[in-house]
Amino acid sequence: MAIQNCWEYKNCGREPNGAKALQLGVCPASTETRTNGINHGKNGGRACWAITGTLCGGIVQGSFASKLGNCMKCEFYQMVGMEEGAGHESARDILSKLK
């Protein structure tokens, strides 16, 4: 199976030109270029848990600190960790790229 970004896995349609982008807005994970390539994803597609203001479950999420608990329960977050294994980029490294 091919590597998926969060918007592909969740099928949310909030990536640029996505089915729901005009109606609900574009999610910052799909446009955050500073995280491009992290965990083999496009933009923030495989680092969404570290990006402020993502649109998960139809609700704007807050900062990393306020949303991490929810993200750790997320099937996508867990899948990325399993797929990347020891090469999984840590949240600390991701956050340093966002400063």
PDB file of N, CA and C in Angstrom:
ATOM      1  N   MET A   1       0.845  -1.187   0.000  1.00  0.00           N
ATOM      2  CA  MET A   1       0.000   0.000   0.000  1.00  0.00           C
ATOM      3  C   MET A   1       0.889   1.248   0.000  1.00  0.00           C
ATOM      4  N   ALA A   2       0.492   2.239  -0.729  1.00  0.00           N
ATOM      5  CA  ALA A   2       1.253   3.479  -0.844  1.00  0.00           C
ATOM      6  C   ALA A   2       1.134   4.304   0.437  1.00  0.00           C
ATOM      7  N   ILE A   3       2.163   5.084   0.693  1.00  0.00           N
ATOM      8  CA  ILE A   3       2.163   6.013   1.828  1.00  0.00           C
ATOM      9  C   ILE A   3       1.020   7.009   1.621  1.00  0.00           C
ATOM     10  N   GLN A   4       0.246   7.260   2.678  1.00  0.00           N
ATOM     11  CA  GLN A   4      -0.865   8.210   2.592  1.00  0.00           C
ATOM     12  C   GLN A   4      -0.607   9.405   3.489  1.00  0.00           C
ATOM     13  N   ASN A   5      -1.090  10.555   3.049  1.00  0.00           N
ATOM     14  CA  ASN A   5      -1.130  11.750   3.874  1.00  0.00           C
ATOM     15  C   ASN A   5      -2.441  11.745   4.642  1.00  0.00           C
ATOM     16  N   CYS A   6      -2.526  12.557   5.687  1.00  0.00           N
ATOM     17  CA  CYS A   6      -3.710  12.541   6.545  1.00  0.00           C
ATOM     18  C   CYS A   6      -5.001  12.792   5.773  1.00  0.00           C
ATOM     19  N   TRP A   7      -4.996  13.739   4.844  1.00  0.00           N
ATOM     20  CA  TRP A   7      -6.227  14.057   4.118  1.00  0.00           C
ATOM     21  C   TRP A   7      -6.648  12.919   3.200  1.00  0.00           C
ATOM     22  N   GLU A   8      -5.693  12.118   2.753  1.00  0.00           N
ATOM     23  CA  GLU A   8      -6.029  10.949   1.933  1.00  0.00           C
ATOM     24  C   GLU A   8      -6.591   9.840   2.820  1.00  0.00           C
ATOM     25  N   TYR A   9      -5.938   9.606   3.940  1.00  0.00           N
ATOM     26  CA  TYR A   9      -6.377   8.568   4.872  1.00  0.00           C
ATOM     27  C   TYR A   9      -7.761   8.882   5.438  1.00  0.00           C
ATOM     28  N   LYS A  10      -7.937  10.120   5.855  1.00  0.00           N
ATOM     29  CA  LYS A  10      -9.212  10.543   6.461  1.00  0.00           C
ATOM     30  C   LYS A  10     -10.281  10.883   5.424  1.00  0.00           C
ATOM     31  N   ASN A  11      -9.848  11.062   4.165  1.00  0.00           N
ATOM     32  CA  ASN A  11     -10.767  11.411   3.081  1.00  0.00           C
ATOM     33  C   ASN A  11     -11.613  12.630   3.449  1.00  0.00           C
ATOM     34  N   CYS A  12     -10.946  13.634   3.989  1.00  0.00           N
ATOM     35  CA  CYS A  12     -11.658  14.814   4.478  1.00  0.00           C
ATOM     36  C   CYS A  12     -11.984  15.825   3.382  1.00  0.00           C
ATOM     37  N   GLY A  13     -11.240  15.799   2.278  1.00  0.00           N
ATOM     38  CA  GLY A  13     -11.509  16.733   1.190  1.00  0.00           C
ATOM     39  C   GLY A  13     -11.061  18.148   1.452  1.00  0.00           C
ATOM     40  N   ARG A  14     -10.202  18.350   2.453  1.00  0.00           N
ATOM     41  CA  ARG A  14      -9.786  19.699   2.818  1.00  0.00           C
ATOM     42  C   ARG A  14      -8.375  20.055   2.350  1.00  0.00           C
ATOM     43  N   GLU A  15      -7.836  19.276   1.430  1.00  0.00           N
ATOM     44  CA  GLU A  15      -6.569  19.631   0.799  1.00  0.00           C
ATOM     45  C   GLU A  15      -6.859  20.652  -0.287  1.00  0.00           C
ATOM     46  N   PRO A  16      -5.840  21.387  -0.777  1.00  0.00           N
ATOM     47  CA  PRO A  16      -6.096  22.347  -1.859  1.00  0.00           C
ATOM     48  C   PRO A  16      -6.812  21.664  -3.030  1.00  0.00           C
ATOM     49  N   ASN A  17      -7.856  22.294  -3.507  1.00  0.00           N
ATOM     50  CA  ASN A  17      -8.713  21.769  -4.580  1.00  0.00           C
ATOM     51  C   ASN A  17      -9.481  20.515  -4.182  1.00  0.00           C
ATOM     52  N   GLY A  18      -9.536  20.219  -2.894  1.00  0.00           N
ATOM     53  CA  GLY A  18     -10.282  19.062  -2.407  1.00  0.00           C
ATOM     54  C   GLY A  18     -11.782  19.298  -2.491  1.00  0.00           C
ATOM     55  N   ALA A  19     -12.538  18.231  -2.378  1.00  0.00           N
ATOM     56  CA  ALA A  19     -13.990  18.278  -2.526  1.00  0.00           C
ATOM     57  C   ALA A  19     -14.675  19.224  -1.534  1.00  0.00           C
ATOM     58  N   LYS A  20     -14.088  19.423  -0.349  1.00  0.00           N
ATOM     59  CA  LYS A  20     -14.717  20.276   0.666  1.00  0.00           C
ATOM     60  C   LYS A  20     -13.909  21.535   0.974  1.00  0.00           C
ATOM     61  N   ALA A  21     -12.862  21.794   0.191  1.00  0.00           N
ATOM     62  CA  ALA A  21     -11.984  22.940   0.474  1.00  0.00           C
ATOM     63  C   ALA A  21     -12.714  24.272   0.388  1.00  0.00           C
ATOM     64  N   LEU A  22     -13.544  24.464  -0.615  1.00  0.00           N
ATOM     65  CA  LEU A  22     -14.271  25.736  -0.734  1.00  0.00           C
ATOM     66  C   LEU A  22     -15.304  25.894   0.367  1.00  0.00           C
ATOM     67  N   GLN A  23     -15.972  24.821   0.683  1.00  0.00           N
ATOM     68  CA  GLN A  23     -17.046  24.858   1.674  1.00  0.00           C
ATOM     69  C   GLN A  23     -16.507  24.988   3.107  1.00  0.00           C
ATOM     70  N   LEU A  24     -15.471  24.204   3.449  1.00  0.00           N
ATOM     71  CA  LEU A  24     -15.003  24.134   4.832  1.00  0.00           C
ATOM     72  C   LEU A  24     -13.619  24.721   5.067  1.00  0.00           C
ATOM     73  N   GLY A  25     -12.927  25.072   3.997  1.00  0.00           N
ATOM     74  CA  GLY A  25     -11.581  25.627   4.122  1.00  0.00           C
ATOM     75  C   GLY A  25     -10.506  24.574   3.941  1.00  0.00           C
ATOM     76  N   VAL A  26      -9.321  25.048   3.625  1.00  0.00           N
ATOM     77  CA  VAL A  26      -8.170  24.168   3.433  1.00  0.00           C
ATOM     78  C   VAL A  26      -7.486  23.962   4.784  1.00  0.00           C
ATOM     79  N   CYS A  27      -7.175  22.722   5.088  1.00  0.00           N
ATOM     80  CA  CYS A  27      -6.510  22.393   6.348  1.00  0.00           C
ATOM     81  C   CYS A  27      -5.039  22.788   6.279  1.00  0.00           C
ATOM     82  N   PRO A  28      -4.505  23.399   7.335  1.00  0.00           N
ATOM     83  CA  PRO A  28      -3.111  23.817   7.331  1.00  0.00           C
ATOM     84  C   PRO A  28      -2.121  22.662   7.171  1.00  0.00           C
ATOM     85  N   ALA A  29      -2.497  21.464   7.522  1.00  0.00           N
ATOM     86  CA  ALA A  29      -1.583  20.327   7.340  1.00  0.00           C
ATOM     87  C   ALA A  29      -1.273  20.112   5.860  1.00  0.00           C
ATOM     88  N   SER A  30      -2.217  20.402   5.010  1.00  0.00           N
ATOM     89  CA  SER A  30      -2.014  20.166   3.579  1.00  0.00           C
ATOM     90  C   SER A  30      -1.173  21.248   2.903  1.00  0.00           C
ATOM     91  N   THR A  31      -0.943  22.354   3.584  1.00  0.00           N
ATOM     92  CA  THR A  31      -0.197  23.459   2.973  1.00  0.00           C
ATOM     93  C   THR A  31       1.079  23.840   3.735  1.00  0.00           C
ATOM     94  N   GLU A  32       1.352  23.194   4.848  1.00  0.00           N
ATOM     95  CA  GLU A  32       2.514  23.539   5.680  1.00  0.00           C
ATOM     96  C   GLU A  32       3.796  22.992   5.063  1.00  0.00           C
ATOM     97  N   THR A  33       4.470  23.818   4.276  1.00  0.00           N
ATOM     98  CA  THR A  33       5.638  23.377   3.518  1.00  0.00           C
ATOM     99  C   THR A  33       6.879  23.142   4.380  1.00  0.00           C
ATOM    100  N   ARG A  34       6.929  23.723   5.568  1.00  0.00           N
ATOM    101  CA  ARG A  34       8.106  23.523   6.424  1.00  0.00           C
ATOM    102  C   ARG A  34       8.225  22.070   6.895  1.00  0.00           C
ATOM    103  N   THR A  35       7.150  21.315   6.796  1.00  0.00           N
ATOM    104  CA  THR A  35       7.172  19.913   7.218  1.00  0.00           C
ATOM    105  C   THR A  35       7.138  18.959   6.020  1.00  0.00           C
ATOM    106  N   ASN A  36       7.336  19.491   4.847  1.00  0.00           N
ATOM    107  CA  ASN A  36       7.339  18.658   3.645  1.00  0.00           C
ATOM    108  C   ASN A  36       8.416  17.575   3.752  1.00  0.00           C
ATOM    109  N   GLY A  37       8.033  16.343   3.504  1.00  0.00           N
ATOM    110  CA  GLY A  37       8.961  15.221   3.540  1.00  0.00           C
ATOM    111  C   GLY A  37       9.059  14.518   4.880  1.00  0.00           C
ATOM    112  N   ILE A  38       8.557  15.134   5.933  1.00  0.00           N
ATOM    113  CA  ILE A  38       8.612  14.480   7.240  1.00  0.00           C
ATOM    114  C   ILE A  38       7.769  13.214   7.194  1.00  0.00           C
ATOM    115  N   ASN A  39       8.331  12.145   7.681  1.00  0.00           N
ATOM    116  CA  ASN A  39       7.684  10.831   7.679  1.00  0.00           C
ATOM    117  C   ASN A  39       7.195  10.444   6.282  1.00  0.00           C
ATOM    118  N   HIS A  40       7.905  10.919   5.274  1.00  0.00           N
ATOM    119  CA  HIS A  40       7.624  10.636   3.858  1.00  0.00           C
ATOM    120  C   HIS A  40       6.320  11.243   3.360  1.00  0.00           C
ATOM    121  N   GLY A  41       5.853  12.301   4.019  1.00  0.00           N
ATOM    122  CA  GLY A  41       4.594  12.926   3.627  1.00  0.00           C
ATOM    123  C   GLY A  41       4.774  14.176   2.798  1.00  0.00           C
ATOM    124  N   LYS A  42       3.669  14.603   2.216  1.00  0.00           N
ATOM    125  CA  LYS A  42       3.624  15.859   1.472  1.00  0.00           C
ATOM    126  C   LYS A  42       3.205  16.964   2.428  1.00  0.00           C
ATOM    127  N   ASN A  43       3.973  18.051   2.443  1.00  0.00           N
ATOM    128  CA  ASN A  43       3.729  19.161   3.366  1.00  0.00           C
ATOM    129  C   ASN A  43       3.572  18.604   4.779  1.00  0.00           C
ATOM    130  N   GLY A  44       2.470  18.873   5.460  1.00  0.00           N
ATOM    131  CA  GLY A  44       2.284  18.359   6.820  1.00  0.00           C
ATOM    132  C   GLY A  44       1.428  17.117   6.877  1.00  0.00           C
ATOM    133  N   GLY A  45       1.321  16.414   5.777  1.00  0.00           N
ATOM    134  CA  GLY A  45       0.424  15.264   5.682  1.00  0.00           C
ATOM    135  C   GLY A  45       0.750  14.080   6.554  1.00  0.00           C
ATOM    136  N   ARG A  46       1.975  14.025   7.071  1.00  0.00           N
ATOM    137  CA  ARG A  46       2.338  12.942   7.981  1.00  0.00           C
ATOM    138  C   ARG A  46       3.015  13.512   9.226  1.00  0.00           C
ATOM    139  N   ALA A  47       2.615  14.752   9.543  1.00  0.00           N
ATOM    140  CA  ALA A  47       3.067  15.431  10.749  1.00  0.00           C
ATOM    141  C   ALA A  47       1.934  16.307  11.291  1.00  0.00           C
ATOM    142  N   CYS A  48       0.712  15.981  10.947  1.00  0.00           N
ATOM    143  CA  CYS A  48      -0.449  16.818  11.256  1.00  0.00           C
ATOM    144  C   CYS A  48      -0.633  17.065  12.747  1.00  0.00           C
ATOM    145  N   TRP A  49      -0.211  16.132  13.583  1.00  0.00           N
ATOM    146  CA  TRP A  49      -0.364  16.280  15.028  1.00  0.00           C
ATOM    147  C   TRP A  49       0.456  17.433  15.593  1.00  0.00           C
ATOM    148  N   ALA A  50       1.464  17.883  14.878  1.00  0.00           N
ATOM    149  CA  ALA A  50       2.316  18.973  15.362  1.00  0.00           C
ATOM    150  C   ALA A  50       1.920  20.328  14.776  1.00  0.00           C
ATOM    151  N   ILE A  51       0.931  20.348  13.903  1.00  0.00           N
ATOM    152  CA  ILE A  51       0.557  21.578  13.202  1.00  0.00           C
ATOM    153  C   ILE A  51      -0.682  22.193  13.844  1.00  0.00           C
ATOM    154  N   THR A  52      -0.549  23.430  14.251  1.00  0.00           N
ATOM    155  CA  THR A  52      -1.648  24.155  14.886  1.00  0.00           C
ATOM    156  C   THR A  52      -2.764  24.430  13.880  1.00  0.00           C
ATOM    157  N   GLY A  53      -3.997  24.278  14.346  1.00  0.00           N
ATOM    158  CA  GLY A  53      -5.150  24.657  13.541  1.00  0.00           C
ATOM    159  C   GLY A  53      -5.612  23.647  12.517  1.00  0.00           C
ATOM    160  N   THR A  54      -5.177  22.385  12.644  1.00  0.00           N
ATOM    161  CA  THR A  54      -5.674  21.374  11.712  1.00  0.00           C
ATOM    162  C   THR A  54      -7.171  21.184  11.920  1.00  0.00           C
ATOM    163  N   LEU A  55      -7.821  20.633  10.944  1.00  0.00           N
ATOM    164  CA  LEU A  55      -9.280  20.520  10.965  1.00  0.00           C
ATOM    165  C   LEU A  55      -9.706  19.058  11.076  1.00  0.00           C
ATOM    166  N   CYS A  56      -9.476  18.455  12.204  1.00  0.00           N
ATOM    167  CA  CYS A  56      -9.794  17.034  12.391  1.00  0.00           C
ATOM    168  C   CYS A  56     -11.200  16.861  12.946  1.00  0.00           C
ATOM    169  N   GLY A  57     -11.918  15.935  12.346  1.00  0.00           N
ATOM    170  CA  GLY A  57     -13.268  15.652  12.821  1.00  0.00           C
ATOM    171  C   GLY A  57     -14.210  16.823  12.687  1.00  0.00           C
ATOM    172  N   GLY A  58     -13.924  17.722  11.757  1.00  0.00           N
ATOM    173  CA  GLY A  58     -14.795  18.867  11.533  1.00  0.00           C
ATOM    174  C   GLY A  58     -14.622  19.983  12.540  1.00  0.00           C
ATOM    175  N   ILE A  59     -13.623  19.855  13.404  1.00  0.00           N
ATOM    176  CA  ILE A  59     -13.390  20.853  14.447  1.00  0.00           C
ATOM    177  C   ILE A  59     -11.955  21.358  14.327  1.00  0.00           C
ATOM    178  N   VAL A  60     -11.781  22.671  14.383  1.00  0.00           N
ATOM    179  CA  VAL A  60     -10.436  23.240  14.353  1.00  0.00           C
ATOM    180  C   VAL A  60      -9.734  22.839  15.644  1.00  0.00           C
ATOM    181  N   GLN A  61      -8.566  22.224  15.477  1.00  0.00           N
ATOM    182  CA  GLN A  61      -7.762  21.799  16.620  1.00  0.00           C
ATOM    183  C   GLN A  61      -6.815  22.927  16.996  1.00  0.00           C
ATOM    184  N   GLY A  62      -6.401  22.949  18.221  1.00  0.00           N
ATOM    185  CA  GLY A  62      -5.526  24.011  18.696  1.00  0.00           C
ATOM    186  C   GLY A  62      -4.056  23.688  18.513  1.00  0.00           C
ATOM    187  N   SER A  63      -3.277  24.110  19.485  1.00  0.00           N
ATOM    188  CA  SER A  63      -1.829  23.922  19.441  1.00  0.00           C
ATOM    189  C   SER A  63      -1.460  22.463  19.682  1.00  0.00           C
ATOM    190  N   PHE A  64      -0.208  22.159  19.433  1.00  0.00           N
ATOM    191  CA  PHE A  64       0.320  20.815  19.657  1.00  0.00           C
ATOM    192  C   PHE A  64       0.008  20.343  21.073  1.00  0.00           C
ATOM    193  N   ALA A  65       0.303  21.180  22.054  1.00  0.00           N
ATOM    194  CA  ALA A  65       0.116  20.794  23.451  1.00  0.00           C
ATOM    195  C   ALA A  65      -1.346  20.490  23.774  1.00  0.00           C
ATOM    196  N   SER A  66      -2.257  21.243  23.199  1.00  0.00           N
ATOM    197  CA  SER A  66      -3.671  21.054  23.527  1.00  0.00           C
ATOM    198  C   SER A  66      -4.313  19.895  22.777  1.00  0.00           C
ATOM    199  N   LYS A  67      -3.728  19.461  21.671  1.00  0.00           N
ATOM    200  CA  LYS A  67      -4.383  18.420  20.889  1.00  0.00           C
ATOM    201  C   LYS A  67      -3.671  17.078  20.890  1.00  0.00           C
ATOM    202  N   LEU A  68      -2.461  17.000  21.434  1.00  0.00           N
ATOM    203  CA  LEU A  68      -1.679  15.776  21.342  1.00  0.00           C
ATOM    204  C   LEU A  68      -2.408  14.559  21.909  1.00  0.00           C
ATOM    205  N   GLY A  69      -3.122  14.734  23.007  1.00  0.00           N
ATOM    206  CA  GLY A  69      -3.852  13.606  23.597  1.00  0.00           C
ATOM    207  C   GLY A  69      -4.832  12.986  22.609  1.00  0.00           C
ATOM    208  N   ASN A  70      -5.562  13.825  21.896  1.00  0.00           N
ATOM    209  CA  ASN A  70      -6.493  13.325  20.882  1.00  0.00           C
ATOM    210  C   ASN A  70      -5.742  12.688  19.724  1.00  0.00           C
ATOM    211  N   CYS A  71      -4.652  13.302  19.315  1.00  0.00           N
ATOM    212  CA  CYS A  71      -3.880  12.793  18.179  1.00  0.00           C
ATOM    213  C   CYS A  71      -3.302  11.416  18.480  1.00  0.00           C
ATOM    214  N   MET A  72      -2.848  11.202  19.710  1.00  0.00           N
ATOM    215  CA  MET A  72      -2.246   9.915  20.048  1.00  0.00           C
ATOM    216  C   MET A  72      -3.253   8.774  19.965  1.00  0.00           C
ATOM    217  N   LYS A  73      -4.530   9.085  20.065  1.00  0.00           N
ATOM    218  CA  LYS A  73      -5.595   8.083  19.936  1.00  0.00           C
ATOM    219  C   LYS A  73      -6.000   7.858  18.480  1.00  0.00           C
ATOM    220  N   CYS A  74      -5.546   8.723  17.603  1.00  0.00           N
ATOM    221  CA  CYS A  74      -5.942   8.699  16.202  1.00  0.00           C
ATOM    222  C   CYS A  74      -5.319   7.507  15.466  1.00  0.00           C
ATOM    223  N   GLU A  75      -6.120   6.797  14.697  1.00  0.00           N
ATOM    224  CA  GLU A  75      -5.636   5.654  13.919  1.00  0.00           C
ATOM    225  C   GLU A  75      -4.546   6.077  12.931  1.00  0.00           C
ATOM    226  N   PHE A  76      -4.683   7.254  12.344  1.00  0.00           N
ATOM    227  CA  PHE A  76      -3.686   7.717  11.387  1.00  0.00           C
ATOM    228  C   PHE A  76      -2.342   7.948  12.073  1.00  0.00           C
ATOM    229  N   TYR A  77      -2.336   8.621  13.201  1.00  0.00           N
ATOM    230  CA  TYR A  77      -1.115   8.863  13.974  1.00  0.00           C
ATOM    231  C   TYR A  77      -0.425   7.548  14.299  1.00  0.00           C
ATOM    232  N   GLN A  78      -1.187   6.587  14.758  1.00  0.00           N
ATOM    233  CA  GLN A  78      -0.642   5.281  15.113  1.00  0.00           C
ATOM    234  C   GLN A  78      -0.109   4.549  13.884  1.00  0.00           C
ATOM    235  N   MET A  79      -0.806   4.662  12.767  1.00  0.00           N
ATOM    236  CA  MET A  79      -0.376   4.014  11.537  1.00  0.00           C
ATOM    237  C   MET A  79       0.962   4.593  11.062  1.00  0.00           C
ATOM    238  N   VAL A  80       1.099   5.915  11.095  1.00  0.00           N
ATOM    239  CA  VAL A  80       2.352   6.546  10.683  1.00  0.00           C
ATOM    240  C   VAL A  80       3.497   6.037  11.559  1.00  0.00           C
ATOM    241  N   GLY A  81       3.268   5.947  12.845  1.00  0.00           N
ATOM    242  CA  GLY A  81       4.293   5.437  13.752  1.00  0.00           C
ATOM    243  C   GLY A  81       4.710   4.020  13.408  1.00  0.00           C
ATOM    244  N   MET A  82       3.753   3.175  13.092  1.00  0.00           N
ATOM    245  CA  MET A  82       4.072   1.789  12.722  1.00  0.00           C
ATOM    246  C   MET A  82       4.787   1.727  11.376  1.00  0.00           C
ATOM    247  N   GLU A  83       4.321   2.506  10.410  1.00  0.00           N
ATOM    248  CA  GLU A  83       4.939   2.497   9.085  1.00  0.00           C
ATOM    249  C   GLU A  83       6.373   3.012   9.108  1.00  0.00           C
ATOM    250  N   GLU A  84       6.616   4.057   9.879  1.00  0.00           N
ATOM    251  CA  GLU A  84       7.933   4.675   9.914  1.00  0.00           C
ATOM    252  C   GLU A  84       8.895   3.967  10.861  1.00  0.00           C
ATOM    253  N   GLY A  85       8.368   3.286  11.863  1.00  0.00           N
ATOM    254  CA  GLY A  85       9.214   2.552  12.800  1.00  0.00           C
ATOM    255  C   GLY A  85      10.250   3.446  13.459  1.00  0.00           C
ATOM    256  N   ALA A  86      11.488   2.942  13.528  1.00  0.00           N
ATOM    257  CA  ALA A  86      12.574   3.670  14.190  1.00  0.00           C
ATOM    258  C   ALA A  86      12.900   4.979  13.488  1.00  0.00           C
ATOM    259  N   GLY A  87      12.535   5.107  12.217  1.00  0.00           N
ATOM    260  CA  GLY A  87      12.799   6.331  11.474  1.00  0.00           C
ATOM    261  C   GLY A  87      11.745   7.409  11.662  1.00  0.00           C
ATOM    262  N   HIS A  88      10.742   7.143  12.506  1.00  0.00           N
ATOM    263  CA  HIS A  88       9.655   8.087  12.771  1.00  0.00           C
ATOM    264  C   HIS A  88      10.228   9.373  13.334  1.00  0.00           C
ATOM    265  N   GLU A  89       9.932  10.486  12.687  1.00  0.00           N
ATOM    266  CA  GLU A  89      10.450  11.776  13.147  1.00  0.00           C
ATOM    267  C   GLU A  89       9.699  12.194  14.405  1.00  0.00           C
ATOM    268  N   SER A  90      10.431  12.553  15.432  1.00  0.00           N
ATOM    269  CA  SER A  90       9.830  12.889  16.721  1.00  0.00           C
ATOM    270  C   SER A  90       9.084  14.215  16.653  1.00  0.00           C
ATOM    271  N   ALA A  91       8.144  14.358  17.568  1.00  0.00           N
ATOM    272  CA  ALA A  91       7.386  15.608  17.654  1.00  0.00           C
ATOM    273  C   ALA A  91       8.333  16.771  17.934  1.00  0.00           C
ATOM    274  N   ARG A  92       9.344  16.548  18.730  1.00  0.00           N
ATOM    275  CA  ARG A  92      10.316  17.605  19.045  1.00  0.00           C
ATOM    276  C   ARG A  92      11.001  18.093  17.763  1.00  0.00           C
ATOM    277  N   ASP A  93      11.408  17.150  16.916  1.00  0.00           N
ATOM    278  CA  ASP A  93      12.053  17.532  15.650  1.00  0.00           C
ATOM    279  C   ASP A  93      11.090  18.270  14.735  1.00  0.00           C
ATOM    280  N   ILE A  94       9.861  17.809  14.684  1.00  0.00           N
ATOM    281  CA  ILE A  94       8.851  18.450  13.829  1.00  0.00           C
ATOM    282  C   ILE A  94       8.607  19.875  14.317  1.00  0.00           C
ATOM    283  N   LEU A  95       8.413  20.031  15.615  1.00  0.00           N
ATOM    284  CA  LEU A  95       8.152  21.355  16.181  1.00  0.00           C
ATOM    285  C   LEU A  95       9.322  22.309  15.942  1.00  0.00           C
ATOM    286  N   SER A  96      10.540  21.803  15.970  1.00  0.00           N
ATOM    287  CA  SER A  96      11.690  22.684  15.727  1.00  0.00           C
ATOM    288  C   SER A  96      11.679  23.215  14.300  1.00  0.00           C
ATOM    289  N   LYS A  97      11.125  22.472  13.377  1.00  0.00           N
ATOM    290  CA  LYS A  97      11.028  22.933  11.980  1.00  0.00           C
ATOM    291  C   LYS A  97       9.916  23.956  11.809  1.00  0.00           C
ATOM    292  N   LEU A  98       8.988  23.990  12.731  1.00  0.00           N
ATOM    293  CA  LEU A  98       7.864  24.922  12.663  1.00  0.00           C
ATOM    294  C   LEU A  98       8.142  26.243  13.367  1.00  0.00           C
ATOM    295  N   LYS A  99       9.267  26.369  14.017  1.00  0.00           N
ATOM    296  CA  LYS A  99       9.615  27.623  14.709  1.00  0.00           C
ATOM    297  C   LYS A  99      10.096  28.663  13.752  1.00  0.00           C
TER     298      LYS A  99
END
